[in-house]
Amino acid sequence: MNQIILPNGAVHPIPDEPQPNLFGAPQAPEPYDYKREALEEAVQCWTDEGTKDILIDMRIAAAVATRLAEWMKVAERGFRGAEYYQGLLDQCGRHIGVEAFTAEDGTVQQEVVAAKLPELVKDLVDLGKNEFRD
């Protein structure tokens, strides 16, 4: 299970993609319900140094949790989108070859150096244009 770390340092699980059932048809994904987890986070606000002397109001905690759960859903979608596009960049880099893994200082990295991809693609396009002219 993947995780996302919020700015406050809280770690939240992101459910894995559903696995196919025994008959080979994909299972419908069951959406993760962030409400309980968000409520736990909201209640933790009353343990902070500046708020621990305030009586817990569960109505406020529930209202905060409702809003927090929506933000958690947005964060999950963003995380999945970033993973998807990072995967596309990695595939492009693997097709380009060792140049896509080579850092500016000449060391070869384990991962694609994504910042180099636009220039490498430009070079490939320019090379292709020159081949058609000859």
C-alpha atoms as a PDB file:
ATOM      1  CA  MET A   1       0.000   0.000   0.000  1.00  0.00           C
ATOM      2  CA  ASN A   2       1.344   3.412  -0.965  1.00  0.00           C
ATOM      3  CA  GLN A   3       1.448   6.318   1.435  1.00  0.00           C
ATOM      4  CA  ILE A   4       1.181  10.047   1.195  1.00  0.00           C
ATOM      5  CA  ILE A   5       2.818  12.381   3.684  1.00  0.00           C
ATOM      6  CA  LEU A   6       0.926  15.578   4.430  1.00  0.00           C
ATOM      7  CA  PRO A   7       2.714  18.847   5.240  1.00  0.00           C
ATOM      8  CA  ASN A   8       2.086  18.293   8.960  1.00  0.00           C
ATOM      9  CA  GLY A   9       4.041  15.020   8.759  1.00  0.00           C
ATOM     10  CA  ALA A  10       0.989  12.763   9.026  1.00  0.00           C
ATOM     11  CA  VAL A  11       1.309   9.567   6.967  1.00  0.00           C
ATOM     12  CA  HIS A  12      -1.834   8.333   5.246  1.00  0.00           C
ATOM     13  CA  PRO A  13      -2.294   5.072   3.332  1.00  0.00           C
ATOM     14  CA  ILE A  14      -3.369   5.124  -0.289  1.00  0.00           C
ATOM     15  CA  PRO A  15      -5.237   1.947  -1.224  1.00  0.00           C
ATOM     16  CA  ASP A  16      -3.651  -0.260  -3.870  1.00  0.00           C
ATOM     17  CA  GLU A  17      -5.292  -0.876  -7.204  1.00  0.00           C
ATOM     18  CA  PRO A  18      -7.897  -3.667  -7.098  1.00  0.00           C
ATOM     19  CA  GLN A  19      -6.746  -7.163  -8.052  1.00  0.00           C
ATOM     20  CA  PRO A  20      -8.680  -9.275 -10.602  1.00  0.00           C
ATOM     21  CA  ASN A  21     -11.074 -11.820  -9.152  1.00  0.00           C
ATOM     22  CA  LEU A  22     -10.877 -15.588  -9.745  1.00  0.00           C
ATOM     23  CA  PHE A  23     -12.834 -15.319 -12.990  1.00  0.00           C
ATOM     24  CA  GLY A  24     -10.434 -12.791 -14.521  1.00  0.00           C
ATOM     25  CA  ALA A  25     -12.838  -9.843 -14.523  1.00  0.00           C
ATOM     26  CA  PRO A  26     -11.504  -6.789 -12.708  1.00  0.00           C
ATOM     27  CA  GLN A  27     -13.155  -6.011  -9.404  1.00  0.00           C
ATOM     28  CA  ALA A  28     -14.873  -2.691  -9.029  1.00  0.00           C
ATOM     29  CA  PRO A  29     -12.643  -0.532  -6.864  1.00  0.00           C
ATOM     30  CA  GLU A  30     -14.086   0.133  -3.460  1.00  0.00           C
ATOM     31  CA  PRO A  31     -13.347   3.761  -2.636  1.00  0.00           C
ATOM     32  CA  TYR A  32     -11.355   4.290   0.516  1.00  0.00           C
ATOM     33  CA  ASP A  33     -13.377   6.109   3.149  1.00  0.00           C
ATOM     34  CA  TYR A  34     -11.189   8.827   4.599  1.00  0.00           C
ATOM     35  CA  LYS A  35     -13.845   9.997   7.070  1.00  0.00           C
ATOM     36  CA  ARG A  36     -12.717   7.873  10.020  1.00  0.00           C
ATOM     37  CA  GLU A  37      -9.055   8.650   9.454  1.00  0.00           C
ATOM     38  CA  ALA A  38      -9.831  12.365   9.041  1.00  0.00           C
ATOM     39  CA  LEU A  39     -11.839  12.356  12.270  1.00  0.00           C
ATOM     40  CA  GLU A  40      -8.895  10.802  14.111  1.00  0.00           C
ATOM     41  CA  GLU A  41      -6.663  13.571  12.741  1.00  0.00           C
ATOM     42  CA  ALA A  42      -9.151  16.277  13.713  1.00  0.00           C
ATOM     43  CA  VAL A  43      -9.429  14.968  17.275  1.00  0.00           C
ATOM     44  CA  GLN A  44      -5.626  14.992  17.534  1.00  0.00           C
ATOM     45  CA  CYS A  45      -5.799  18.799  17.244  1.00  0.00           C
ATOM     46  CA  TRP A  46      -6.912  18.842  20.882  1.00  0.00           C
ATOM     47  CA  THR A  47      -3.621  17.261  21.933  1.00  0.00           C
ATOM     48  CA  ASP A  48      -1.480  20.058  20.493  1.00  0.00           C
ATOM     49  CA  GLU A  49       0.394  22.268  22.922  1.00  0.00           C
ATOM     50  CA  GLY A  50      -1.807  25.310  22.282  1.00  0.00           C
ATOM     51  CA  THR A  51      -5.156  23.482  22.370  1.00  0.00           C
ATOM     52  CA  LYS A  52      -4.809  20.682  24.905  1.00  0.00           C
ATOM     53  CA  ASP A  53      -6.583  22.724  27.593  1.00  0.00           C
ATOM     54  CA  ILE A  54      -9.705  23.222  25.399  1.00  0.00           C
ATOM     55  CA  LEU A  55     -12.608  20.807  25.821  1.00  0.00           C
ATOM     56  CA  ILE A  56     -13.109  18.605  22.739  1.00  0.00           C
ATOM     57  CA  ASP A  57     -16.179  19.510  20.726  1.00  0.00           C
ATOM     58  CA  MET A  58     -17.036  16.534  18.512  1.00  0.00           C
ATOM     59  CA  ARG A  59     -19.292  18.684  16.299  1.00  0.00           C
ATOM     60  CA  ILE A  60     -16.309  20.843  15.363  1.00  0.00           C
ATOM     61  CA  ALA A  61     -14.096  17.778  14.999  1.00  0.00           C
ATOM     62  CA  ALA A  62     -16.659  16.193  12.653  1.00  0.00           C
ATOM     63  CA  ALA A  63     -16.931  19.377  10.581  1.00  0.00           C
ATOM     64  CA  VAL A  64     -13.142  19.611  10.278  1.00  0.00           C
ATOM     65  CA  ALA A  65     -12.964  15.895   9.441  1.00  0.00           C
ATOM     66  CA  THR A  66     -15.487  16.297   6.612  1.00  0.00           C
ATOM     67  CA  ARG A  67     -13.341  18.992   5.010  1.00  0.00           C
ATOM     68  CA  LEU A  68     -10.103  17.124   5.707  1.00  0.00           C
ATOM     69  CA  ALA A  69     -11.467  13.926   4.130  1.00  0.00           C
ATOM     70  CA  GLU A  70     -12.147  15.845   0.901  1.00  0.00           C
ATOM     71  CA  TRP A  71      -8.587  17.208   0.883  1.00  0.00           C
ATOM     72  CA  MET A  72      -7.269  13.706   1.479  1.00  0.00           C
ATOM     73  CA  LYS A  73      -9.195  12.499  -1.590  1.00  0.00           C
ATOM     74  CA  VAL A  74      -7.720  15.346  -3.653  1.00  0.00           C
ATOM     75  CA  ALA A  75      -4.227  14.462  -2.398  1.00  0.00           C
ATOM     76  CA  GLU A  76      -4.761  10.815  -3.355  1.00  0.00           C
ATOM     77  CA  ARG A  77      -5.826  11.735  -6.888  1.00  0.00           C
ATOM     78  CA  GLY A  78      -2.821  14.037  -7.207  1.00  0.00           C
ATOM     79  CA  PHE A  79      -0.495  11.316  -5.961  1.00  0.00           C
ATOM     80  CA  ARG A  80      -1.899   8.792  -8.429  1.00  0.00           C
ATOM     81  CA  GLY A  81      -1.618  11.328 -11.256  1.00  0.00           C
ATOM     82  CA  ALA A  82       1.987  12.114 -10.360  1.00  0.00           C
ATOM     83  CA  GLU A  83       2.834   8.390 -10.248  1.00  0.00           C
ATOM     84  CA  TYR A  84       1.207   7.885 -13.646  1.00  0.00           C
ATOM     85  CA  TYR A  85       3.064  10.726 -15.352  1.00  0.00           C
ATOM     86  CA  GLN A  86       6.338   9.806 -13.650  1.00  0.00           C
ATOM     87  CA  GLY A  87       5.878   6.330 -15.099  1.00  0.00           C
ATOM     88  CA  LEU A  88       5.445   7.797 -18.584  1.00  0.00           C
ATOM     89  CA  LEU A  89       8.608   9.870 -18.194  1.00  0.00           C
ATOM     90  CA  ASP A  90      10.512   6.803 -16.981  1.00  0.00           C
ATOM     91  CA  GLN A  91       9.361   4.835 -20.031  1.00  0.00           C
ATOM     92  CA  CYS A  92      10.492   7.642 -22.344  1.00  0.00           C
ATOM     93  CA  GLY A  93      13.865   7.759 -20.608  1.00  0.00           C
ATOM     94  CA  ARG A  94      14.351   4.000 -20.978  1.00  0.00           C
ATOM     95  CA  HIS A  95      13.631   4.299 -24.704  1.00  0.00           C
ATOM     96  CA  ILE A  96      16.180   7.100 -25.057  1.00  0.00           C
ATOM     97  CA  GLY A  97      18.847   5.107 -23.277  1.00  0.00           C
ATOM     98  CA  VAL A  98      21.832   5.808 -21.063  1.00  0.00           C
ATOM     99  CA  GLU A  99      21.799   9.548 -21.840  1.00  0.00           C
ATOM    100  CA  ALA A 100      18.518   9.835 -19.939  1.00  0.00           C
ATOM    101  CA  PHE A 101      20.157   8.306 -16.852  1.00  0.00           C
ATOM    102  CA  THR A 102      23.305  10.437 -16.965  1.00  0.00           C
ATOM    103  CA  ALA A 103      23.483  13.409 -14.604  1.00  0.00           C
ATOM    104  CA  GLU A 104      25.083  16.744 -15.498  1.00  0.00           C
ATOM    105  CA  ASP A 105      28.321  15.696 -13.750  1.00  0.00           C
ATOM    106  CA  GLY A 106      28.536  12.556 -15.909  1.00  0.00           C
ATOM    107  CA  THR A 107      27.508  10.018 -13.282  1.00  0.00           C
ATOM    108  CA  VAL A 108      24.969   7.424 -14.338  1.00  0.00           C
ATOM    109  CA  GLN A 109      21.933   7.359 -12.037  1.00  0.00           C
ATOM    110  CA  GLN A 110      19.620   4.484 -11.141  1.00  0.00           C
ATOM    111  CA  GLU A 111      16.575   6.533 -12.154  1.00  0.00           C
ATOM    112  CA  VAL A 112      15.799   8.590 -15.257  1.00  0.00           C
ATOM    113  CA  VAL A 113      16.984  12.194 -14.880  1.00  0.00           C
ATOM    114  CA  ALA A 114      13.634  13.682 -15.867  1.00  0.00           C
ATOM    115  CA  ALA A 115      14.961  17.234 -16.122  1.00  0.00           C
ATOM    116  CA  LYS A 116      17.110  16.144 -19.093  1.00  0.00           C
ATOM    117  CA  LEU A 117      14.256  14.615 -21.089  1.00  0.00           C
ATOM    118  CA  PRO A 118      13.030  17.772 -22.881  1.00  0.00           C
ATOM    119  CA  GLU A 119      16.498  18.525 -24.275  1.00  0.00           C
ATOM    120  CA  LEU A 120      17.099  14.874 -25.219  1.00  0.00           C
ATOM    121  CA  VAL A 121      13.760  14.721 -27.047  1.00  0.00           C
ATOM    122  CA  LYS A 122      14.581  17.989 -28.839  1.00  0.00           C
ATOM    123  CA  ASP A 123      17.919  16.507 -29.943  1.00  0.00           C
ATOM    124  CA  LEU A 124      16.151  13.391 -31.264  1.00  0.00           C
ATOM    125  CA  VAL A 125      13.600  15.500 -33.152  1.00  0.00           C
ATOM    126  CA  ASP A 126      16.358  17.670 -34.640  1.00  0.00           C
ATOM    127  CA  LEU A 127      18.272  14.518 -35.630  1.00  0.00           C
ATOM    128  CA  GLY A 128      15.158  13.173 -37.340  1.00  0.00           C
ATOM    129  CA  LYS A 129      14.649  16.422 -39.243  1.00  0.00           C
ATOM    130  CA  ASN A 130      18.252  16.327 -40.494  1.00  0.00           C
ATOM    131  CA  GLU A 131      17.909  12.711 -41.641  1.00  0.00           C
ATOM    132  CA  PHE A 132      14.976  13.628 -43.872  1.00  0.00           C
ATOM    133  CA  ARG A 133      16.947  16.472 -45.471  1.00  0.00           C
ATOM    134  CA  ASP A 134      19.862  14.290 -46.571  1.00  0.00           C
END
